[in-house]
N, C-alpha and C. Protein backbone atom coordinates (compact mmCIF):
# COMPACT_ATOMS: atom_id res chain seq x y z
N MET A 1 75.46 107.01 90.07
CA MET A 1 75.53 105.92 91.05
C MET A 1 76.98 105.54 91.31
N LYS A 2 77.33 105.43 92.58
CA LYS A 2 78.68 105.02 92.94
C LYS A 2 78.78 103.50 92.88
N PHE A 3 79.72 102.98 92.10
CA PHE A 3 79.90 101.54 91.95
C PHE A 3 81.14 101.09 92.71
N ILE A 4 80.97 100.11 93.59
CA ILE A 4 82.09 99.54 94.32
C ILE A 4 82.43 98.20 93.67
N PRO A 5 83.61 98.07 93.09
CA PRO A 5 83.97 96.87 92.33
C PRO A 5 83.91 95.59 93.15
N TYR A 6 83.77 94.51 92.45
CA TYR A 6 83.68 93.17 93.04
C TYR A 6 84.91 92.86 93.89
N GLU A 7 84.66 92.31 95.07
CA GLU A 7 85.73 91.88 95.96
C GLU A 7 85.22 90.69 96.78
N VAL A 8 86.15 89.88 97.22
CA VAL A 8 85.80 88.69 98.01
C VAL A 8 86.27 88.91 99.44
N LYS A 9 85.36 88.74 100.39
CA LYS A 9 85.65 88.94 101.81
C LYS A 9 85.01 87.81 102.62
N THR A 10 85.32 87.77 103.91
CA THR A 10 84.63 86.84 104.79
C THR A 10 83.20 87.32 105.00
N GLY A 11 82.36 86.44 105.52
CA GLY A 11 80.97 86.83 105.79
C GLY A 11 80.88 88.00 106.75
N ALA A 12 81.66 87.95 107.83
CA ALA A 12 81.64 89.03 108.81
C ALA A 12 82.08 90.35 108.19
N GLU A 13 83.12 90.29 107.36
CA GLU A 13 83.61 91.50 106.70
C GLU A 13 82.57 92.06 105.73
N ASN A 14 81.93 91.18 104.97
CA ASN A 14 80.92 91.64 104.01
C ASN A 14 79.76 92.33 104.70
N MET A 15 79.28 91.75 105.78
CA MET A 15 78.15 92.35 106.49
C MET A 15 78.56 93.66 107.16
N GLN A 16 79.80 93.73 107.64
CA GLN A 16 80.27 94.96 108.26
C GLN A 16 80.42 96.07 107.22
N ILE A 17 80.91 95.72 106.05
CA ILE A 17 81.05 96.72 104.98
C ILE A 17 79.68 97.28 104.59
N ASP A 18 78.70 96.40 104.41
CA ASP A 18 77.35 96.87 104.08
C ASP A 18 76.82 97.80 105.17
N SER A 19 77.02 97.40 106.44
CA SER A 19 76.56 98.21 107.56
C SER A 19 77.27 99.56 107.60
N ASP A 20 78.58 99.55 107.38
CA ASP A 20 79.36 100.80 107.39
C ASP A 20 78.96 101.72 106.25
N LEU A 21 78.71 101.15 105.07
CA LEU A 21 78.28 101.96 103.93
C LEU A 21 76.93 102.61 104.20
N LEU A 22 76.03 101.85 104.81
CA LEU A 22 74.72 102.40 105.15
C LEU A 22 74.85 103.53 106.17
N ASP A 23 75.64 103.31 107.21
CA ASP A 23 75.82 104.34 108.24
C ASP A 23 76.51 105.58 107.67
N SER A 24 77.48 105.37 106.78
CA SER A 24 78.18 106.50 106.16
C SER A 24 77.23 107.31 105.27
N ALA A 25 76.36 106.61 104.55
CA ALA A 25 75.39 107.30 103.70
C ALA A 25 74.46 108.17 104.54
N ILE A 26 74.05 107.62 105.68
CA ILE A 26 73.16 108.37 106.58
C ILE A 26 73.90 109.57 107.17
N LEU A 27 75.11 109.34 107.67
CA LEU A 27 75.89 110.40 108.30
C LEU A 27 76.15 111.56 107.35
N ASN A 28 76.47 111.22 106.10
CA ASN A 28 76.81 112.25 105.12
C ASN A 28 75.63 112.68 104.26
N GLN A 29 74.44 112.12 104.58
CA GLN A 29 73.22 112.43 103.83
C GLN A 29 73.45 112.31 102.32
N LEU A 30 74.02 111.17 101.96
CA LEU A 30 74.36 110.89 100.57
C LEU A 30 73.10 110.89 99.70
N LYS A 31 73.20 111.56 98.56
CA LYS A 31 72.06 111.67 97.64
C LYS A 31 72.09 110.61 96.56
N GLU A 32 73.30 110.23 96.11
CA GLU A 32 73.41 109.24 95.04
C GLU A 32 73.46 107.83 95.64
N PRO A 33 72.94 106.84 94.91
CA PRO A 33 72.98 105.47 95.43
C PRO A 33 74.36 104.84 95.33
N ILE A 34 74.54 103.78 96.10
CA ILE A 34 75.78 102.99 96.09
C ILE A 34 75.42 101.58 95.64
N PHE A 35 76.18 101.04 94.72
CA PHE A 35 75.98 99.66 94.26
C PHE A 35 77.28 98.90 94.46
N ARG A 36 77.20 97.78 95.14
CA ARG A 36 78.39 96.98 95.47
C ARG A 36 78.19 95.52 95.07
N LEU A 37 79.25 94.89 94.59
CA LEU A 37 79.24 93.46 94.27
C LEU A 37 80.29 92.76 95.12
N TYR A 38 79.96 91.58 95.63
CA TYR A 38 80.95 90.88 96.43
C TYR A 38 80.73 89.37 96.45
N GLY A 39 81.83 88.68 96.80
CA GLY A 39 81.81 87.24 96.99
C GLY A 39 82.21 86.91 98.42
N TRP A 40 82.20 85.63 98.76
CA TRP A 40 82.40 85.19 100.14
C TRP A 40 83.48 84.11 100.21
N SER A 41 84.43 84.28 101.11
CA SER A 41 85.43 83.25 101.36
C SER A 41 85.86 83.34 102.82
N PRO A 42 85.70 82.25 103.58
CA PRO A 42 85.21 80.95 103.15
C PRO A 42 83.71 80.97 102.88
N VAL A 43 83.19 79.83 102.41
CA VAL A 43 81.75 79.66 102.23
C VAL A 43 81.05 80.03 103.53
N CYS A 44 79.87 80.62 103.42
CA CYS A 44 79.22 81.17 104.62
C CYS A 44 77.70 81.00 104.55
N VAL A 45 77.10 80.70 105.68
CA VAL A 45 75.65 80.75 105.83
C VAL A 45 75.31 82.09 106.45
N SER A 46 74.41 82.83 105.81
CA SER A 46 73.92 84.07 106.43
C SER A 46 72.49 83.87 106.89
N LEU A 47 72.23 84.28 108.12
CA LEU A 47 70.90 84.17 108.72
C LEU A 47 70.18 85.50 108.64
N GLY A 48 68.86 85.45 108.44
CA GLY A 48 68.07 86.67 108.49
C GLY A 48 68.13 87.30 109.87
N ARG A 49 67.87 88.58 109.93
CA ARG A 49 68.05 89.35 111.17
C ARG A 49 67.38 88.70 112.38
N ASN A 50 66.17 88.18 112.22
CA ASN A 50 65.44 87.62 113.35
C ASN A 50 65.25 86.10 113.26
N GLN A 51 65.99 85.46 112.37
CA GLN A 51 65.81 84.03 112.15
C GLN A 51 66.47 83.20 113.24
N LYS A 52 65.79 82.17 113.69
CA LYS A 52 66.39 81.23 114.65
C LYS A 52 67.45 80.40 113.95
N ASP A 53 68.44 79.97 114.71
CA ASP A 53 69.53 79.19 114.12
C ASP A 53 69.55 77.74 114.61
N ASP A 54 68.44 77.29 115.20
CA ASP A 54 68.43 75.96 115.81
C ASP A 54 68.48 74.81 114.79
N PHE A 55 68.31 75.12 113.51
CA PHE A 55 68.40 74.08 112.48
C PHE A 55 69.84 73.82 112.05
N LEU A 56 70.76 74.67 112.47
CA LEU A 56 72.15 74.55 112.05
C LEU A 56 72.94 73.61 112.98
N ASP A 57 73.78 72.79 112.39
CA ASP A 57 74.70 71.94 113.13
C ASP A 57 76.06 72.64 113.08
N TYR A 58 76.36 73.39 114.13
CA TYR A 58 77.57 74.22 114.12
C TYR A 58 78.85 73.38 114.07
N GLU A 59 78.83 72.21 114.68
CA GLU A 59 80.02 71.36 114.64
C GLU A 59 80.27 70.87 113.22
N ASP A 60 79.21 70.50 112.54
CA ASP A 60 79.33 70.05 111.15
C ASP A 60 79.83 71.19 110.27
N LEU A 61 79.28 72.38 110.47
CA LEU A 61 79.72 73.54 109.67
C LEU A 61 81.19 73.85 109.93
N LYS A 62 81.61 73.71 111.18
CA LYS A 62 83.01 73.96 111.51
C LYS A 62 83.92 72.96 110.79
N CYS A 63 83.50 71.70 110.76
CA CYS A 63 84.29 70.68 110.06
C CYS A 63 84.37 70.94 108.57
N ARG A 64 83.31 71.50 108.03
CA ARG A 64 83.27 71.83 106.60
C ARG A 64 83.94 73.19 106.30
N LYS A 65 84.37 73.88 107.37
CA LYS A 65 84.97 75.22 107.25
C LYS A 65 84.01 76.21 106.61
N ILE A 66 82.76 76.16 107.09
CA ILE A 66 81.70 77.08 106.65
C ILE A 66 81.38 78.04 107.78
N ASP A 67 81.49 79.32 107.51
CA ASP A 67 81.19 80.35 108.50
C ASP A 67 79.67 80.56 108.63
N VAL A 68 79.30 81.26 109.70
CA VAL A 68 77.91 81.68 109.90
C VAL A 68 77.92 83.15 110.30
N VAL A 69 77.03 83.92 109.69
CA VAL A 69 76.94 85.35 110.01
C VAL A 69 75.47 85.75 109.98
N ARG A 70 75.13 86.81 110.67
CA ARG A 70 73.76 87.31 110.66
C ARG A 70 73.68 88.59 109.83
N ARG A 71 72.66 88.68 108.98
CA ARG A 71 72.48 89.84 108.11
C ARG A 71 71.74 90.97 108.82
N LEU A 72 71.87 92.16 108.26
CA LEU A 72 71.08 93.31 108.70
C LEU A 72 69.62 93.14 108.29
N THR A 73 69.42 92.45 107.17
CA THR A 73 68.09 92.30 106.60
C THR A 73 67.39 91.06 107.15
N GLY A 74 66.08 91.00 106.92
CA GLY A 74 65.30 89.86 107.38
C GLY A 74 65.35 88.71 106.40
N GLY A 75 64.35 87.84 106.48
CA GLY A 75 64.29 86.70 105.58
C GLY A 75 64.94 85.47 106.18
N ARG A 76 65.09 84.45 105.33
CA ARG A 76 65.63 83.17 105.74
C ARG A 76 67.11 83.05 105.35
N ALA A 77 67.69 81.94 105.73
CA ALA A 77 69.13 81.72 105.55
C ALA A 77 69.50 81.48 104.09
N LEU A 78 70.74 81.85 103.77
CA LEU A 78 71.32 81.60 102.45
C LEU A 78 72.67 80.94 102.63
N LEU A 79 73.04 80.11 101.66
CA LEU A 79 74.39 79.56 101.61
C LEU A 79 75.15 80.34 100.54
N HIS A 80 76.15 81.09 100.96
CA HIS A 80 76.93 81.91 100.04
C HIS A 80 78.14 81.09 99.60
N ASP A 81 77.94 80.42 98.49
CA ASP A 81 78.95 79.50 97.98
C ASP A 81 79.16 79.79 96.50
N LYS A 82 78.33 79.22 95.67
CA LYS A 82 78.43 79.41 94.22
C LYS A 82 77.47 80.53 93.83
N GLU A 83 77.76 81.74 94.26
CA GLU A 83 76.85 82.86 94.02
C GLU A 83 77.58 84.19 94.05
N LEU A 84 76.87 85.21 93.63
CA LEU A 84 77.37 86.58 93.62
C LEU A 84 76.36 87.42 94.39
N THR A 85 76.84 88.25 95.28
CA THR A 85 75.94 89.09 96.08
C THR A 85 76.06 90.54 95.65
N TYR A 86 74.92 91.22 95.62
CA TYR A 86 74.92 92.66 95.35
C TYR A 86 74.33 93.39 96.55
N SER A 87 74.70 94.63 96.73
CA SER A 87 74.00 95.47 97.70
C SER A 87 73.79 96.85 97.08
N PHE A 88 72.68 97.46 97.44
CA PHE A 88 72.28 98.76 96.89
C PHE A 88 71.80 99.61 98.06
N ILE A 89 72.36 100.80 98.18
CA ILE A 89 72.01 101.71 99.27
C ILE A 89 71.58 103.04 98.68
N CYS A 90 70.48 103.58 99.15
CA CYS A 90 70.01 104.88 98.67
C CYS A 90 69.07 105.50 99.70
N PRO A 91 68.90 106.84 99.64
CA PRO A 91 67.88 107.45 100.48
C PRO A 91 66.49 107.06 99.96
N VAL A 92 65.53 106.96 100.84
CA VAL A 92 64.16 106.63 100.44
C VAL A 92 63.67 107.61 99.38
N SER A 93 64.07 108.88 99.53
CA SER A 93 63.62 109.94 98.62
C SER A 93 64.19 109.81 97.21
N TYR A 94 65.22 108.97 97.03
CA TYR A 94 65.81 108.78 95.71
C TYR A 94 64.85 108.05 94.78
N LEU A 95 64.00 107.22 95.36
CA LEU A 95 63.06 106.41 94.58
C LEU A 95 61.73 107.12 94.43
N LYS A 96 61.04 106.81 93.36
CA LYS A 96 59.73 107.43 93.13
C LYS A 96 58.74 107.02 94.20
N ASN A 97 58.82 105.76 94.61
CA ASN A 97 57.89 105.24 95.62
C ASN A 97 58.66 104.56 96.75
N GLY A 98 59.66 105.27 97.25
CA GLY A 98 60.54 104.68 98.25
C GLY A 98 59.87 104.33 99.56
N GLU A 99 58.80 105.01 99.90
CA GLU A 99 58.13 104.72 101.16
C GLU A 99 57.39 103.39 101.12
N ASN A 100 57.05 102.94 99.93
CA ASN A 100 56.33 101.68 99.76
C ASN A 100 57.35 100.55 99.56
N VAL A 101 57.36 99.59 100.45
CA VAL A 101 58.38 98.54 100.41
C VAL A 101 58.31 97.76 99.10
N LYS A 102 57.13 97.31 98.72
CA LYS A 102 56.99 96.52 97.49
C LYS A 102 57.44 97.31 96.27
N ASP A 103 57.01 98.56 96.18
CA ASP A 103 57.37 99.38 95.02
C ASP A 103 58.87 99.68 94.99
N SER A 104 59.47 99.83 96.16
CA SER A 104 60.92 100.09 96.20
C SER A 104 61.71 98.88 95.73
N TYR A 105 61.25 97.68 96.06
CA TYR A 105 61.90 96.47 95.54
C TYR A 105 61.85 96.47 94.01
N ILE A 106 60.70 96.82 93.46
CA ILE A 106 60.53 96.83 92.01
C ILE A 106 61.48 97.83 91.36
N GLU A 107 61.57 99.03 91.92
CA GLU A 107 62.44 100.06 91.35
C GLU A 107 63.91 99.66 91.40
N ILE A 108 64.35 99.18 92.54
CA ILE A 108 65.76 98.82 92.69
C ILE A 108 66.09 97.60 91.82
N SER A 109 65.20 96.63 91.82
CA SER A 109 65.45 95.40 91.06
C SER A 109 65.44 95.64 89.56
N GLN A 110 64.87 96.75 89.13
CA GLN A 110 64.87 97.08 87.70
C GLN A 110 66.30 97.23 87.19
N ILE A 111 67.21 97.65 88.06
CA ILE A 111 68.63 97.74 87.70
C ILE A 111 69.15 96.37 87.29
N LEU A 112 68.81 95.36 88.08
CA LEU A 112 69.24 93.99 87.78
C LEU A 112 68.62 93.49 86.49
N ILE A 113 67.35 93.76 86.30
CA ILE A 113 66.65 93.32 85.08
C ILE A 113 67.33 93.89 83.84
N GLU A 114 67.62 95.20 83.88
CA GLU A 114 68.23 95.85 82.72
C GLU A 114 69.64 95.34 82.45
N LYS A 115 70.40 95.09 83.50
CA LYS A 115 71.77 94.59 83.31
C LYS A 115 71.77 93.19 82.71
N PHE A 116 70.91 92.33 83.21
CA PHE A 116 70.88 90.95 82.71
C PHE A 116 70.34 90.86 81.28
N GLN A 117 69.52 91.82 80.89
CA GLN A 117 69.04 91.84 79.51
C GLN A 117 70.20 91.98 78.53
N LYS A 118 71.27 92.63 78.97
CA LYS A 118 72.43 92.84 78.10
C LYS A 118 73.12 91.53 77.72
N ILE A 119 72.94 90.51 78.52
CA ILE A 119 73.57 89.21 78.22
C ILE A 119 72.52 88.16 77.87
N GLY A 120 71.35 88.64 77.50
CA GLY A 120 70.33 87.73 77.00
C GLY A 120 69.58 86.94 78.05
N ILE A 121 69.62 87.39 79.31
CA ILE A 121 68.87 86.72 80.36
C ILE A 121 67.70 87.62 80.76
N ASN A 122 66.49 87.17 80.47
CA ASN A 122 65.30 87.96 80.75
C ASN A 122 64.72 87.56 82.10
N LEU A 123 64.65 88.52 82.99
CA LEU A 123 64.16 88.28 84.34
C LEU A 123 62.78 88.89 84.52
N GLU A 124 62.01 88.25 85.39
CA GLU A 124 60.70 88.80 85.74
C GLU A 124 60.49 88.60 87.23
N PHE A 125 59.56 89.36 87.78
CA PHE A 125 59.27 89.22 89.20
C PHE A 125 58.47 87.95 89.44
N GLY A 126 58.82 87.26 90.51
CA GLY A 126 58.12 86.04 90.85
C GLY A 126 56.77 86.35 91.47
N ALA A 127 55.88 85.40 91.37
CA ALA A 127 54.57 85.54 92.00
C ALA A 127 54.72 85.25 93.49
N GLN A 128 54.14 86.11 94.31
CA GLN A 128 54.23 85.89 95.75
C GLN A 128 53.32 84.74 96.16
N LYS A 129 53.86 83.84 96.94
CA LYS A 129 53.10 82.71 97.45
C LYS A 129 53.06 82.79 98.96
N ALA A 130 52.14 82.05 99.55
CA ALA A 130 52.10 81.98 101.01
C ALA A 130 53.45 81.44 101.50
N ILE A 131 53.99 82.08 102.54
CA ILE A 131 55.28 81.66 103.08
C ILE A 131 55.17 80.25 103.65
N LYS A 132 56.07 79.38 103.18
CA LYS A 132 56.11 78.01 103.70
C LYS A 132 57.08 78.02 104.89
N THR A 133 56.54 78.18 106.07
CA THR A 133 57.38 78.43 107.24
C THR A 133 58.32 77.29 107.57
N LYS A 134 58.09 76.09 107.02
CA LYS A 134 58.99 74.97 107.34
C LYS A 134 60.35 75.14 106.67
N PHE A 135 60.44 75.98 105.65
CA PHE A 135 61.69 76.12 104.93
C PHE A 135 62.60 77.15 105.60
N ASP A 136 63.84 76.73 105.86
CA ASP A 136 64.83 77.66 106.41
C ASP A 136 65.68 78.27 105.30
N TYR A 137 65.75 77.60 104.15
CA TYR A 137 66.56 78.08 103.01
C TYR A 137 65.77 79.10 102.21
N CYS A 138 66.32 80.31 102.11
CA CYS A 138 65.61 81.44 101.53
C CYS A 138 65.15 81.21 100.10
N MET A 139 65.97 80.52 99.29
CA MET A 139 65.64 80.39 97.88
C MET A 139 64.43 79.51 97.62
N LEU A 140 63.93 78.79 98.64
CA LEU A 140 62.74 77.97 98.48
C LEU A 140 61.46 78.75 98.77
N ILE A 141 61.61 80.01 99.18
CA ILE A 141 60.46 80.83 99.52
C ILE A 141 60.23 81.86 98.42
N SER A 142 58.99 81.97 97.98
CA SER A 142 58.66 82.87 96.88
C SER A 142 58.00 84.14 97.41
N THR A 143 58.60 85.29 97.10
CA THR A 143 58.03 86.58 97.49
C THR A 143 58.00 87.49 96.27
N GLY A 144 57.32 88.61 96.41
CA GLY A 144 57.23 89.56 95.31
C GLY A 144 58.55 90.25 95.01
N ALA A 145 59.56 90.02 95.85
CA ALA A 145 60.87 90.65 95.64
C ALA A 145 61.81 89.76 94.84
N ASP A 146 61.39 88.55 94.53
CA ASP A 146 62.24 87.62 93.80
C ASP A 146 62.34 88.01 92.32
N LEU A 147 63.49 87.70 91.74
CA LEU A 147 63.64 87.80 90.29
C LEU A 147 63.83 86.39 89.75
N CYS A 148 63.02 86.06 88.75
CA CYS A 148 62.99 84.72 88.20
C CYS A 148 63.33 84.72 86.72
N CYS A 149 63.76 83.56 86.25
CA CYS A 149 63.97 83.33 84.83
C CYS A 149 63.13 82.12 84.44
N LYS A 150 62.19 82.35 83.57
CA LYS A 150 61.27 81.28 83.13
C LYS A 150 60.58 80.63 84.32
N GLY A 151 60.18 81.46 85.26
CA GLY A 151 59.40 80.99 86.39
C GLY A 151 60.19 80.41 87.54
N LYS A 152 61.52 80.34 87.40
CA LYS A 152 62.35 79.79 88.48
C LYS A 152 63.17 80.89 89.14
N LYS A 153 63.29 80.83 90.43
CA LYS A 153 63.97 81.87 91.20
C LYS A 153 65.47 81.86 90.96
N LEU A 154 66.00 83.01 90.55
CA LEU A 154 67.43 83.17 90.31
C LEU A 154 68.06 84.12 91.33
N ILE A 155 67.32 85.16 91.72
CA ILE A 155 67.84 86.17 92.65
C ILE A 155 66.84 86.37 93.79
N GLY A 156 67.32 86.20 94.99
CA GLY A 156 66.51 86.49 96.17
C GLY A 156 67.06 87.73 96.87
N SER A 157 66.20 88.67 97.23
CA SER A 157 66.64 89.94 97.82
C SER A 157 65.92 90.23 99.14
N ALA A 158 66.55 91.08 99.93
CA ALA A 158 65.96 91.50 101.21
C ALA A 158 66.37 92.93 101.49
N GLN A 159 65.60 93.60 102.33
CA GLN A 159 65.85 95.02 102.65
C GLN A 159 65.92 95.24 104.15
N CYS A 160 66.61 96.34 104.49
CA CYS A 160 66.43 96.94 105.81
C CYS A 160 66.39 98.45 105.60
N ARG A 161 65.78 99.15 106.54
CA ARG A 161 65.64 100.60 106.45
C ARG A 161 66.12 101.25 107.74
N LYS A 162 66.81 102.37 107.58
CA LYS A 162 67.36 103.04 108.75
C LYS A 162 67.46 104.54 108.48
N ASN A 163 66.84 105.33 109.30
CA ASN A 163 66.94 106.80 109.24
C ASN A 163 66.74 107.36 107.84
N GLY A 164 65.72 106.85 107.15
CA GLY A 164 65.39 107.38 105.83
C GLY A 164 66.23 106.81 104.69
N TYR A 165 66.98 105.75 104.96
CA TYR A 165 67.80 105.11 103.92
C TYR A 165 67.43 103.62 103.79
N ILE A 166 67.64 103.10 102.60
CA ILE A 166 67.35 101.70 102.30
C ILE A 166 68.64 100.96 101.97
N LEU A 167 68.80 99.80 102.55
CA LEU A 167 69.83 98.85 102.12
C LEU A 167 69.11 97.64 101.56
N GLN A 168 69.31 97.35 100.28
CA GLN A 168 68.79 96.13 99.69
C GLN A 168 69.96 95.30 99.19
N HIS A 169 70.01 94.06 99.60
CA HIS A 169 71.04 93.18 99.04
C HIS A 169 70.41 91.85 98.67
N GLY A 170 71.12 91.12 97.80
CA GLY A 170 70.54 89.88 97.33
C GLY A 170 71.57 88.94 96.74
N SER A 171 71.15 87.70 96.60
CA SER A 171 72.01 86.61 96.14
C SER A 171 71.64 86.21 94.72
N ILE A 172 72.64 86.22 93.83
CA ILE A 172 72.47 85.79 92.45
C ILE A 172 73.10 84.40 92.34
N LEU A 173 72.29 83.39 92.08
CA LEU A 173 72.82 82.02 92.03
C LEU A 173 73.59 81.78 90.74
N LEU A 174 74.88 81.50 90.89
CA LEU A 174 75.71 81.12 89.75
C LEU A 174 75.59 79.61 89.51
N ASP A 175 75.49 78.87 90.59
CA ASP A 175 75.33 77.43 90.57
C ASP A 175 74.92 77.03 91.98
N TYR A 176 74.61 75.78 92.20
CA TYR A 176 74.31 75.34 93.57
C TYR A 176 74.61 73.85 93.70
N ASP A 177 74.89 73.46 94.92
CA ASP A 177 75.19 72.08 95.25
C ASP A 177 73.99 71.55 96.05
N LYS A 178 73.11 70.85 95.37
CA LYS A 178 71.87 70.39 96.00
C LYS A 178 72.14 69.55 97.24
N GLU A 179 73.09 68.63 97.15
CA GLU A 179 73.38 67.74 98.29
C GLU A 179 73.87 68.52 99.49
N LEU A 180 74.76 69.49 99.25
CA LEU A 180 75.27 70.30 100.35
C LEU A 180 74.16 71.13 100.98
N LEU A 181 73.31 71.72 100.16
CA LEU A 181 72.18 72.50 100.68
C LEU A 181 71.28 71.63 101.56
N GLN A 182 70.99 70.43 101.11
CA GLN A 182 70.12 69.55 101.87
C GLN A 182 70.76 69.12 103.19
N GLU A 183 72.07 68.93 103.17
CA GLU A 183 72.77 68.54 104.39
C GLU A 183 72.81 69.68 105.40
N ILE A 184 72.98 70.89 104.92
CA ILE A 184 73.06 72.04 105.83
C ILE A 184 71.69 72.43 106.36
N PHE A 185 70.69 72.50 105.45
CA PHE A 185 69.37 73.00 105.85
C PHE A 185 68.42 71.88 106.28
N LYS A 186 68.85 70.63 106.07
CA LYS A 186 68.07 69.47 106.53
C LYS A 186 66.65 69.50 105.99
N GLU A 187 66.53 69.84 104.72
CA GLU A 187 65.24 69.84 104.06
C GLU A 187 65.43 69.54 102.57
N HIS A 188 64.37 69.05 101.95
CA HIS A 188 64.45 68.71 100.54
C HIS A 188 64.54 69.98 99.71
N ILE A 189 65.49 70.02 98.79
CA ILE A 189 65.64 71.17 97.91
C ILE A 189 64.96 70.84 96.58
N ASP A 190 63.86 71.51 96.33
CA ASP A 190 63.10 71.29 95.10
C ASP A 190 63.71 72.13 93.99
N CYS A 191 64.47 71.49 93.13
CA CYS A 191 65.19 72.22 92.08
C CYS A 191 64.26 72.77 91.00
N SER A 192 62.99 72.36 91.03
CA SER A 192 62.04 72.91 90.06
C SER A 192 61.67 74.35 90.41
N GLU A 193 62.03 74.79 91.62
CA GLU A 193 61.68 76.13 92.09
C GLU A 193 62.80 77.14 91.88
N ILE A 194 64.02 76.65 91.64
CA ILE A 194 65.17 77.56 91.53
C ILE A 194 65.95 77.28 90.25
N THR A 195 66.77 78.26 89.86
CA THR A 195 67.64 78.09 88.71
C THR A 195 68.96 78.81 88.99
N SER A 196 69.89 78.71 88.05
CA SER A 196 71.20 79.32 88.23
C SER A 196 71.72 79.79 86.89
N ILE A 197 72.73 80.64 86.94
CA ILE A 197 73.36 81.11 85.71
C ILE A 197 73.91 79.92 84.92
N LYS A 198 74.47 78.94 85.62
CA LYS A 198 75.04 77.77 84.94
C LYS A 198 73.98 77.03 84.14
N GLU A 199 72.76 76.97 84.67
CA GLU A 199 71.67 76.29 83.97
C GLU A 199 71.17 77.11 82.78
N ILE A 200 71.17 78.43 82.94
CA ILE A 200 70.63 79.31 81.89
C ILE A 200 71.64 79.51 80.77
N GLN A 201 72.89 79.83 81.15
CA GLN A 201 73.95 80.04 80.17
C GLN A 201 75.22 79.37 80.69
N PRO A 202 75.40 78.08 80.40
CA PRO A 202 76.49 77.28 80.99
C PRO A 202 77.90 77.84 80.78
N ALA A 203 78.12 78.56 79.68
CA ALA A 203 79.48 79.05 79.39
C ALA A 203 79.82 80.33 80.14
N MET A 204 78.86 80.90 80.81
CA MET A 204 79.05 82.20 81.46
C MET A 204 79.65 82.02 82.86
N GLY A 205 80.67 82.81 83.19
CA GLY A 205 81.31 82.76 84.50
C GLY A 205 81.05 84.01 85.31
N ILE A 206 81.55 84.01 86.52
CA ILE A 206 81.31 85.15 87.42
C ILE A 206 81.88 86.45 86.85
N GLU A 207 83.02 86.34 86.14
CA GLU A 207 83.61 87.56 85.57
C GLU A 207 82.69 88.19 84.52
N ASP A 208 81.91 87.37 83.82
CA ASP A 208 80.97 87.90 82.83
C ASP A 208 79.83 88.66 83.50
N ILE A 209 79.37 88.15 84.63
CA ILE A 209 78.29 88.82 85.37
C ILE A 209 78.81 90.11 85.97
N VAL A 210 80.00 90.06 86.55
CA VAL A 210 80.59 91.27 87.15
C VAL A 210 80.75 92.35 86.09
N LYS A 211 81.14 91.97 84.89
CA LYS A 211 81.41 92.93 83.82
C LYS A 211 80.17 93.72 83.42
N ILE A 212 79.00 93.08 83.42
CA ILE A 212 77.79 93.80 83.00
C ILE A 212 77.41 94.89 83.99
N PHE A 213 77.83 94.73 85.24
CA PHE A 213 77.53 95.75 86.24
C PHE A 213 78.57 96.87 86.25
N SER A 214 79.78 96.56 85.85
CA SER A 214 80.85 97.56 85.88
C SER A 214 80.90 98.40 84.61
N ASP A 215 80.29 97.91 83.53
CA ASP A 215 80.29 98.66 82.26
C ASP A 215 79.41 99.91 82.34
């Protein structure tokens, strides 16, 4: 597996890099997967591919110096602030059950499960619930692609597929600002549904998480 070390970019740059890596993999018919870690600066809201943006107050975001970008993948919006993002690209044929969306999430996410086990964080797949369409914030929605710790969502992931290749990327919550989330998404953030690295292992920083993936 090709590992691209952690780097911090703008939202537009991060999404372009993911798109370029996917297109390059397709063009060169890459057989091995690519795994990338990245952060965001400035803070950025990413919208799902087909998500409406009418809940966003663009003037307020501009005053807060928060960018907005649209992802290649579907799903709801995320605030990329106190978090770490991963992306994984591979041909469908690389996976045992790559044609099946649910099974491919399980296979790819197993990488995350195994890495986090090394630092004593045990993850499990969340139970899929009926989509609560009123929520614009992705982490409040429970799907079979979520990775949870003790029943609370820690990692939310999404996929897109193109010409026989899969791009899966996701957000690993290091911490979160409940008040900021509520102000941006204009909805109540139920903290009983989500968790963060800070809550699970308070002494652990982003460099510790990056290290488990680079080792």
